[in-house]
Amino acid sequence: MTATSPRERPRLSGTNLERAADHNQRVTLHGIRVLGPLTRVELAGLTGLTGPAIANITKRLLQDGLIEEAGQRRGGRGQPPTKLVVRADACYSIGINVDRDHITIVLVDFSGQTLIRVSEEVNFALPDHVRGLYRRSIRNMLRKAKVDVDKLVGIGVAVPDDLGLVDLPGRPAEYATWDSVDVADLFSEPLRLPVFVENDAAAAAMGEMQLGLGQKNNSFFYILISSGLGGGLVVDGSYLRGADGRSGELGFMRAANGTAPGEQVQQMVSLSGLARHLERNGCHLADVMGDADPDAKAQACVAAWIEDAAQRLTVPLDAINCLINPAAVLVGGRLPTTILERLAERANELMRARAGLLPTVAPVIRAALSEDAPAVGAAILPFSHFLLPKQGALWKASA
């Protein structure tokens, strides 16, 4: 989502009743969405709001069709309290991930479930190709999922920063055209919906914050392994962008452990890095992706890559632990689940062995949202903008 200028002077004005009421409603809805089913009493305890305030808010949410009553909790004395849950069909969102080697489009309901997806593996797709795939697919996706277009709240798009500029192997010269493209404009037709554009690692981290392990870990660092390597930082339930909106860029860090001088970590720790490693050893990425059944040679290649990748991640993980002190480091991306898990486990072992050298070491865990994390995270962006708590919600608009 396009952020306000990081150089803006801080706003120190207070809030007003209208913004406070909106924020309280967003917080209540988010509580039901993440932790439901919940009773009104539980909501009051969770949010710190009074019983009458919760009663008024939940009445509005019921009238708006965003939540519904889901039976009664048994076992207590007297009339059992009613539990509240979000209505999955209250609204829907479209999430799109554009990367250097694939395009994914998902249709997500308000509970965060992916109803249908379209994905195309294509190297260095140009803007016209992306626009064409979206326009050919979206009406059919809505029809198959039986979703009314009037219930769509928006489109979220996740793309890597400097998509056309980072010099990855095989990049054609014309791919630099992405640097001058208005990404939101690619998706202006055929549906007239607001479009929110976000960095892919940030979108994945936000999705994990709303739907995954971020519900248990309020502060975490998300490592996204895609065609490149990115990261996202969440602290106290808020995504932190940095002064220039480029926090978490661990892929650009320099690798250690005997690598070529100046080599970036993402040269090995990425899908493109895995592909090069496999090709050097007579294998192919297709041999280990999706439903492929790797032979012994491919398995040995993957095992060697996991060891090398985990070793190269130790320097960024040292920095993350020393500078940020997250509760967990979550690893996601389009690697097969088994490879992601083995990489996380090996990185965890290496970091535990280094624990005596560091003030603290966070566990390295495979993220709950993995393959489609950027696309699903992107789909959460319209929900966050219109319905869920967000940073700055209590600031008054500038005079």
Protein backbone atom coordinates (compact mmCIF):
# COMPACT_ATOMS: atom_id res chain seq x y z
CA MET A 1 0.00 0.00 0.00
CA THR A 2 1.47 3.33 -0.95
CA ALA A 3 2.72 4.98 2.23
CA THR A 4 2.73 8.64 3.12
CA SER A 5 6.05 10.38 2.73
CA PRO A 6 8.51 9.11 5.35
CA ARG A 7 9.90 12.64 5.59
CA GLU A 8 6.62 14.19 6.74
CA ARG A 9 6.74 16.10 9.99
CA PRO A 10 5.09 14.10 12.80
CA ARG A 11 1.48 14.91 13.55
CA LEU A 12 1.01 15.47 17.25
CA SER A 13 -2.66 16.43 17.27
CA GLY A 14 -5.17 14.29 19.11
CA THR A 15 -8.16 12.45 17.77
CA ASN A 16 -11.87 13.16 17.64
CA LEU A 17 -14.91 11.10 18.62
CA GLU A 18 -15.69 10.04 15.06
CA ARG A 19 -12.22 8.59 14.51
CA ALA A 20 -12.17 6.97 17.94
CA ALA A 21 -15.52 5.29 17.25
CA ASP A 22 -14.31 4.04 13.88
CA HIS A 23 -11.11 2.70 15.43
CA ASN A 24 -13.01 0.92 18.21
CA GLN A 25 -15.28 -0.72 15.64
CA ARG A 26 -12.29 -1.84 13.57
CA VAL A 27 -10.56 -3.28 16.65
CA THR A 28 -13.70 -5.14 17.69
CA LEU A 29 -14.22 -6.58 14.21
CA HIS A 30 -10.57 -7.61 14.05
CA GLY A 31 -10.84 -9.34 17.42
CA ILE A 32 -13.83 -11.36 16.25
CA ARG A 33 -12.12 -12.14 12.96
CA VAL A 34 -8.88 -13.39 14.48
CA LEU A 35 -9.99 -14.92 17.79
CA GLY A 36 -13.67 -15.70 17.26
CA PRO A 37 -16.05 -17.12 18.11
CA LEU A 38 -16.18 -14.66 21.01
CA THR A 39 -18.90 -13.52 23.39
CA ARG A 40 -19.54 -9.85 24.02
CA VAL A 41 -18.06 -10.23 27.51
CA GLU A 42 -14.90 -11.72 26.04
CA LEU A 43 -14.74 -8.89 23.52
CA ALA A 44 -14.95 -6.31 26.28
CA GLY A 45 -12.09 -7.98 28.12
CA LEU A 46 -10.05 -8.28 24.92
CA THR A 47 -10.50 -4.69 23.73
CA GLY A 48 -10.75 -2.85 27.05
CA LEU A 49 -14.04 -1.31 25.95
CA THR A 50 -17.10 -1.16 28.20
CA GLY A 51 -19.97 -3.61 27.92
CA PRO A 52 -22.39 -0.98 26.55
CA ALA A 53 -19.80 0.13 23.98
CA ILE A 54 -19.33 -3.45 22.79
CA ALA A 55 -23.09 -3.92 22.65
CA ASN A 56 -23.48 -0.87 20.39
CA ILE A 57 -20.55 -1.81 18.17
CA THR A 58 -21.64 -5.42 17.68
CA LYS A 59 -25.17 -4.24 16.93
CA ARG A 60 -23.81 -2.09 14.09
CA LEU A 61 -21.60 -4.92 12.81
CA LEU A 62 -24.58 -7.27 12.78
CA GLN A 63 -26.70 -4.72 10.94
CA ASP A 64 -23.92 -4.22 8.38
CA GLY A 65 -23.72 -7.97 7.80
CA LEU A 66 -20.04 -8.18 8.80
CA ILE A 67 -20.60 -10.59 11.70
CA GLU A 68 -23.22 -13.12 12.73
CA GLU A 69 -24.30 -15.02 15.81
CA ALA A 70 -22.96 -18.54 15.93
CA GLY A 71 -24.91 -20.37 18.61
CA GLN A 72 -24.50 -20.24 22.35
CA ARG A 73 -21.75 -21.33 24.70
CA ARG A 74 -22.90 -24.09 27.03
CA GLY A 75 -21.73 -25.07 30.49
CA GLY A 76 -22.29 -21.89 32.54
CA ARG A 77 -25.15 -20.93 34.78
CA GLY A 78 -28.15 -19.09 33.46
CA GLN A 79 -28.70 -18.15 29.83
CA PRO A 80 -25.59 -19.09 27.80
CA PRO A 81 -23.97 -16.08 26.13
CA THR A 82 -24.14 -15.75 22.35
CA LYS A 83 -20.93 -16.18 20.38
CA LEU A 84 -20.04 -13.94 17.46
CA VAL A 85 -18.09 -14.77 14.30
CA VAL A 86 -17.31 -12.89 11.12
CA ARG A 87 -19.38 -13.63 8.05
CA ALA A 88 -17.02 -15.11 5.50
CA ASP A 89 -19.35 -13.97 2.71
CA ALA A 90 -19.62 -10.40 4.02
CA CYS A 91 -17.17 -9.22 1.39
CA TYR A 92 -14.38 -10.42 -0.86
CA SER A 93 -11.06 -9.21 -2.19
CA ILE A 94 -8.71 -9.96 -5.07
CA GLY A 95 -5.01 -10.52 -4.42
CA ILE A 96 -2.36 -10.48 -7.15
CA ASN A 97 1.33 -11.36 -6.91
CA VAL A 98 3.57 -10.41 -9.81
CA ASP A 99 7.08 -11.83 -9.59
CA ARG A 100 9.91 -12.32 -12.05
CA ASP A 101 8.98 -15.95 -12.68
CA HIS A 102 5.26 -16.20 -12.04
CA ILE A 103 1.90 -14.46 -11.67
CA THR A 104 -0.74 -15.52 -9.15
CA ILE A 105 -4.31 -14.21 -8.76
CA VAL A 106 -6.47 -15.25 -5.78
CA LEU A 107 -10.04 -14.52 -4.73
CA VAL A 108 -10.29 -14.38 -0.93
CA ASP A 109 -13.31 -14.15 1.37
CA PHE A 110 -13.46 -12.03 4.53
CA SER A 111 -12.31 -14.94 6.72
CA GLY A 112 -9.12 -15.10 4.66
CA GLN A 113 -9.93 -18.31 2.81
CA THR A 114 -8.79 -18.58 -0.81
CA LEU A 115 -11.82 -19.54 -2.90
CA ILE A 116 -10.10 -19.84 -6.26
CA ARG A 117 -6.67 -19.12 -7.73
CA VAL A 118 -5.10 -18.71 -11.14
CA SER A 119 -1.35 -19.06 -11.47
CA GLU A 120 1.01 -18.92 -14.42
CA GLU A 121 4.71 -19.77 -14.36
CA VAL A 122 6.29 -17.31 -16.77
CA ASN A 123 9.76 -15.80 -16.74
CA PHE A 124 9.99 -12.00 -16.77
CA ALA A 125 6.40 -11.33 -17.87
CA LEU A 126 5.97 -7.82 -19.24
CA PRO A 127 3.16 -5.49 -18.07
CA ASP A 128 0.89 -6.20 -21.06
CA HIS A 129 1.11 -9.93 -20.36
CA VAL A 130 0.13 -9.40 -16.71
CA ARG A 131 -2.76 -7.13 -17.68
CA GLY A 132 -3.99 -9.66 -20.23
CA LEU A 133 -3.93 -12.60 -17.80
CA TYR A 134 -5.90 -10.62 -15.22
CA ARG A 135 -8.55 -9.45 -17.68
CA ARG A 136 -8.97 -12.95 -19.13
CA SER A 137 -9.26 -14.58 -15.71
CA ILE A 138 -11.16 -12.40 -13.28
CA ARG A 139 -14.75 -12.73 -14.59
CA ASN A 140 -14.39 -16.51 -14.81
CA MET A 141 -12.97 -16.66 -11.27
CA LEU A 142 -15.95 -14.75 -9.89
CA ARG A 143 -18.39 -16.94 -11.78
CA LYS A 144 -16.81 -20.20 -10.60
CA ALA A 145 -16.72 -18.99 -6.98
CA LYS A 146 -20.30 -17.63 -7.27
CA VAL A 147 -19.21 -14.23 -5.96
CA ASP A 148 -21.19 -11.10 -6.79
CA VAL A 149 -18.92 -8.33 -8.06
CA ASP A 150 -20.76 -5.87 -5.79
CA LYS A 151 -19.26 -7.66 -2.77
CA LEU A 152 -15.68 -7.01 -3.87
CA VAL A 153 -14.02 -4.32 -1.74
CA GLY A 154 -10.81 -3.94 -3.73
CA ILE A 155 -7.69 -5.35 -5.32
CA GLY A 156 -4.34 -5.80 -3.63
CA VAL A 157 -1.17 -6.19 -5.69
CA ALA A 158 2.14 -7.50 -4.33
CA VAL A 159 5.28 -6.86 -6.39
CA PRO A 160 8.98 -6.87 -5.49
CA ASP A 161 10.64 -3.48 -5.13
CA ASP A 162 12.68 -2.51 -8.20
CA LEU A 163 10.96 -5.30 -10.13
CA GLY A 164 12.52 -4.40 -13.47
CA LEU A 165 15.86 -3.15 -12.18
CA VAL A 166 17.39 -5.89 -10.02
CA ASP A 167 19.86 -7.78 -12.20
CA LEU A 168 18.86 -11.41 -11.86
CA PRO A 169 20.07 -14.06 -14.36
CA GLY A 170 18.10 -14.16 -17.60
CA ARG A 171 16.50 -10.74 -17.22
CA PRO A 172 15.78 -9.30 -20.70
CA ALA A 173 16.57 -5.64 -21.38
CA GLU A 174 12.91 -4.78 -22.03
CA TYR A 175 11.99 -5.93 -18.52
CA ALA A 176 13.22 -2.55 -17.28
CA THR A 177 9.93 -1.11 -18.59
CA TRP A 178 8.40 -2.11 -15.23
CA ASP A 179 10.26 0.82 -13.66
CA SER A 180 8.00 3.30 -15.46
CA VAL A 181 4.68 1.41 -15.20
CA ASP A 182 1.76 2.47 -13.02
CA VAL A 183 1.07 -0.95 -11.52
CA ALA A 184 -2.38 -0.01 -10.24
CA ASP A 185 -3.44 1.05 -13.73
CA LEU A 186 -2.84 -2.49 -15.05
CA PHE A 187 -5.88 -3.64 -13.07
CA SER A 188 -8.26 -0.74 -13.66
CA GLU A 189 -10.37 -2.84 -16.05
CA PRO A 190 -12.72 -4.68 -16.30
CA LEU A 191 -13.74 -3.99 -12.68
CA ARG A 192 -13.75 -0.48 -11.25
CA LEU A 193 -12.22 -1.20 -7.86
CA PRO A 194 -9.69 0.57 -5.64
CA VAL A 195 -6.20 -0.89 -6.08
CA PHE A 196 -3.58 -1.09 -3.31
CA VAL A 197 0.03 -1.82 -4.30
CA GLU A 198 2.53 -3.23 -1.82
CA ASN A 199 5.98 -4.76 -1.72
CA ASP A 200 5.65 -8.57 -1.92
CA ALA A 201 7.52 -9.32 1.30
CA ALA A 202 5.50 -6.66 3.14
CA ALA A 203 2.25 -8.13 1.81
CA ALA A 204 3.32 -11.62 2.89
CA ALA A 205 4.21 -10.34 6.37
CA MET A 206 0.87 -8.52 6.66
CA GLY A 207 -0.98 -11.65 5.59
CA GLU A 208 0.90 -13.68 8.19
CA MET A 209 0.07 -11.01 10.77
CA GLN A 210 -3.66 -11.24 10.02
CA LEU A 211 -4.10 -14.94 9.22
CA GLY A 212 -1.04 -16.90 10.29
CA LEU A 213 1.54 -17.17 13.05
CA GLY A 214 1.43 -13.42 13.59
CA GLN A 215 -1.66 -14.08 15.71
CA LYS A 216 0.65 -15.79 18.24
CA ASN A 217 3.79 -13.70 17.68
CA ASN A 218 3.15 -9.98 17.97
CA SER A 219 6.67 -9.14 16.77
CA PHE A 220 8.31 -11.16 14.02
CA PHE A 221 10.55 -10.94 10.98
CA TYR A 222 9.24 -12.53 7.78
CA ILE A 223 11.70 -13.95 5.23
CA LEU A 224 10.17 -14.32 1.76
CA ILE A 225 11.97 -16.67 -0.64
CA SER A 226 10.76 -15.97 -4.17
CA SER A 227 12.72 -15.32 -7.36
CA GLY A 228 14.74 -13.01 -5.09
CA LEU A 229 14.93 -12.71 -1.31
CA GLY A 230 12.98 -10.18 0.74
CA GLY A 231 11.89 -9.53 4.28
CA GLY A 232 9.22 -7.80 6.32
CA LEU A 233 9.30 -6.52 9.88
CA VAL A 234 6.31 -6.53 12.25
CA VAL A 235 6.71 -4.99 15.71
CA ASP A 236 3.91 -4.93 18.28
CA GLY A 237 1.39 -5.85 15.61
CA SER A 238 2.40 -3.05 13.21
CA TYR A 239 4.34 -3.35 9.98
CA LEU A 240 7.45 -1.11 10.03
CA ARG A 241 8.55 0.31 6.68
CA GLY A 242 11.66 2.29 7.59
CA ALA A 243 12.47 5.88 6.64
CA ASP A 244 12.41 5.16 2.90
CA GLY A 245 9.97 2.27 2.91
CA ARG A 246 12.73 -0.28 2.36
CA SER A 247 13.07 -2.07 5.67
CA GLY A 248 13.68 -5.81 5.61
CA GLU A 249 15.80 -5.92 2.42
CA LEU A 250 18.04 -8.74 3.64
CA GLY A 251 18.48 -10.10 0.11
CA PHE A 252 20.90 -7.25 -0.63
CA MET A 253 23.13 -8.09 2.34
CA ARG A 254 26.54 -9.48 1.50
CA ALA A 255 27.06 -13.20 1.99
CA ALA A 256 29.91 -14.60 4.07
CA ASN A 257 31.27 -18.13 4.43
CA GLY A 258 33.77 -18.06 1.59
CA THR A 259 31.50 -16.67 -1.12
CA ALA A 260 32.69 -14.36 -3.86
CA PRO A 261 33.44 -10.85 -2.55
CA GLY A 262 30.34 -8.67 -2.67
CA GLU A 263 27.94 -11.48 -3.55
CA GLN A 264 24.42 -10.83 -2.30
CA VAL A 265 22.67 -13.36 -0.08
CA GLN A 266 19.81 -13.66 -2.60
CA GLN A 267 22.21 -14.96 -5.25
CA MET A 268 21.93 -18.32 -3.48
CA VAL A 269 18.94 -17.98 -1.10
CA SER A 270 16.16 -17.61 -3.68
CA LEU A 271 14.30 -19.67 -6.25
CA SER A 272 16.62 -18.34 -8.93
CA GLY A 273 19.59 -19.35 -6.77
CA LEU A 274 18.16 -22.84 -6.30
CA ALA A 275 17.55 -23.10 -10.05
CA ARG A 276 21.18 -22.19 -10.84
CA HIS A 277 22.46 -24.65 -8.24
CA LEU A 278 20.35 -27.45 -9.72
CA GLU A 279 21.40 -26.65 -13.30
CA ARG A 280 25.08 -26.67 -12.38
CA ASN A 281 24.56 -30.21 -11.11
CA GLY A 282 22.58 -31.50 -14.08
CA CYS A 283 19.09 -31.05 -12.57
CA HIS A 284 16.23 -28.63 -13.13
CA LEU A 285 13.93 -26.61 -10.88
CA ALA A 286 10.90 -28.46 -12.27
CA ASP A 287 12.41 -31.67 -10.83
CA VAL A 288 11.72 -30.49 -7.26
CA MET A 289 8.74 -28.11 -7.52
CA GLY A 290 5.03 -28.79 -7.14
CA ASP A 291 4.05 -32.44 -7.26
CA ALA A 292 7.40 -33.56 -8.69
CA ASP A 293 8.97 -36.72 -7.25
CA PRO A 294 12.71 -35.89 -7.17
CA ASP A 295 15.14 -38.69 -7.95
CA ALA A 296 18.18 -39.35 -5.77
CA LYS A 297 20.36 -36.94 -7.72
CA ALA A 298 17.88 -34.07 -7.40
CA GLN A 299 17.38 -34.82 -3.70
CA ALA A 300 21.13 -34.64 -3.13
CA CYS A 301 21.25 -31.30 -4.97
CA VAL A 302 18.46 -29.90 -2.81
CA ALA A 303 20.13 -31.11 0.38
CA ALA A 304 23.37 -29.36 -0.62
CA TRP A 305 21.46 -26.16 -1.45
CA ILE A 306 19.63 -26.22 1.89
CA GLU A 307 22.95 -26.44 3.74
CA ASP A 308 24.51 -23.63 1.72
CA ALA A 309 21.40 -21.43 1.95
CA ALA A 310 21.10 -21.94 5.71
CA GLN A 311 24.77 -21.07 6.17
CA ARG A 312 24.37 -17.88 4.15
CA LEU A 313 21.33 -16.86 6.17
CA THR A 314 23.32 -16.82 9.42
CA VAL A 315 24.71 -13.32 8.84
CA PRO A 316 21.27 -11.75 8.20
CA LEU A 317 19.84 -13.74 11.11
CA ASP A 318 22.61 -12.44 13.38
CA ALA A 319 21.61 -8.90 12.42
CA ILE A 320 17.89 -9.58 12.84
CA ASN A 321 18.41 -11.02 16.32
CA CYS A 322 20.81 -8.31 17.49
CA LEU A 323 19.03 -5.29 16.04
CA ILE A 324 15.37 -6.26 16.17
CA ASN A 325 14.93 -9.01 18.79
CA PRO A 326 11.75 -10.53 17.26
CA ALA A 327 9.73 -13.28 18.90
CA ALA A 328 10.19 -15.44 15.80
CA VAL A 329 11.67 -15.45 12.31
CA LEU A 330 9.13 -16.85 9.85
CA VAL A 331 10.22 -18.29 6.50
CA GLY A 332 7.78 -18.46 3.59
CA GLY A 333 7.68 -18.33 -0.18
CA ARG A 334 7.11 -20.54 -3.18
CA LEU A 335 9.51 -23.31 -2.24
CA PRO A 336 7.79 -26.67 -1.67
CA THR A 337 6.68 -27.01 1.95
CA THR A 338 9.12 -29.81 2.71
CA ILE A 339 12.09 -27.76 1.45
CA LEU A 340 10.94 -24.69 3.39
CA GLU A 341 10.62 -26.76 6.56
CA ARG A 342 14.07 -28.32 6.14
CA LEU A 343 15.62 -24.93 5.46
CA ALA A 344 13.96 -23.41 8.54
CA GLU A 345 15.04 -26.37 10.69
CA ARG A 346 18.66 -26.20 9.50
CA ALA A 347 18.82 -22.42 9.96
CA ASN A 348 17.38 -22.92 13.43
CA GLU A 349 20.08 -25.47 14.28
CA LEU A 350 22.85 -23.16 13.08
CA MET A 351 21.47 -20.23 15.07
CA ARG A 352 21.12 -22.29 18.23
CA ALA A 353 24.76 -23.24 17.85
CA ARG A 354 25.60 -19.52 17.70
CA ALA A 355 23.46 -18.64 20.72
CA GLY A 356 26.51 -18.10 22.91
CA LEU A 357 27.69 -15.34 20.57
CA LEU A 358 24.41 -13.41 20.52
CA PRO A 359 22.30 -11.68 23.18
CA THR A 360 19.19 -13.64 22.11
CA VAL A 361 18.15 -15.99 19.32
CA ALA A 362 14.58 -16.16 17.94
CA PRO A 363 13.31 -19.49 16.62
CA VAL A 364 13.23 -19.89 12.84
CA ILE A 365 9.87 -21.36 11.79
CA ARG A 366 8.14 -22.09 8.49
CA ALA A 367 5.39 -19.50 8.02
CA ALA A 368 1.76 -20.63 8.06
CA LEU A 369 1.14 -18.84 4.74
CA SER A 370 3.73 -20.13 2.32
CA GLU A 371 3.32 -20.53 -1.43
CA ASP A 372 0.61 -17.90 -2.00
CA ALA A 373 1.61 -15.67 0.91
CA PRO A 374 2.22 -12.49 -1.15
CA ALA A 375 -1.02 -12.90 -3.12
CA VAL A 376 -3.14 -13.68 -0.04
CA GLY A 377 -1.40 -10.90 1.90
CA ALA A 378 -2.18 -8.53 -0.97
CA ALA A 379 -5.85 -9.54 -0.81
CA ILE A 380 -5.88 -8.52 2.86
CA LEU A 381 -4.86 -4.94 1.97
CA PRO A 382 -8.37 -3.74 0.94
CA PHE A 383 -9.87 -5.35 4.07
CA SER A 384 -7.27 -3.57 6.20
CA HIS A 385 -7.89 -0.22 4.54
CA PHE A 386 -11.67 -0.23 4.82
CA LEU A 387 -12.49 -2.46 7.80
CA LEU A 388 -9.57 -3.42 10.05
CA PRO A 389 -7.30 -1.52 12.47
CA LYS A 390 -4.50 0.41 10.83
CA GLN A 391 -1.67 2.68 11.82
CA GLY A 392 -2.62 6.31 12.01
CA ALA A 393 -6.34 5.57 12.40
CA LEU A 394 -6.63 8.01 15.29
CA TRP A 395 -4.80 10.91 13.67
CA LYS A 396 -6.96 13.82 12.62
CA ALA A 397 -6.65 14.93 9.03
CA SER A 398 -4.37 17.91 8.47
CA ALA A 399 -6.09 21.24 8.54
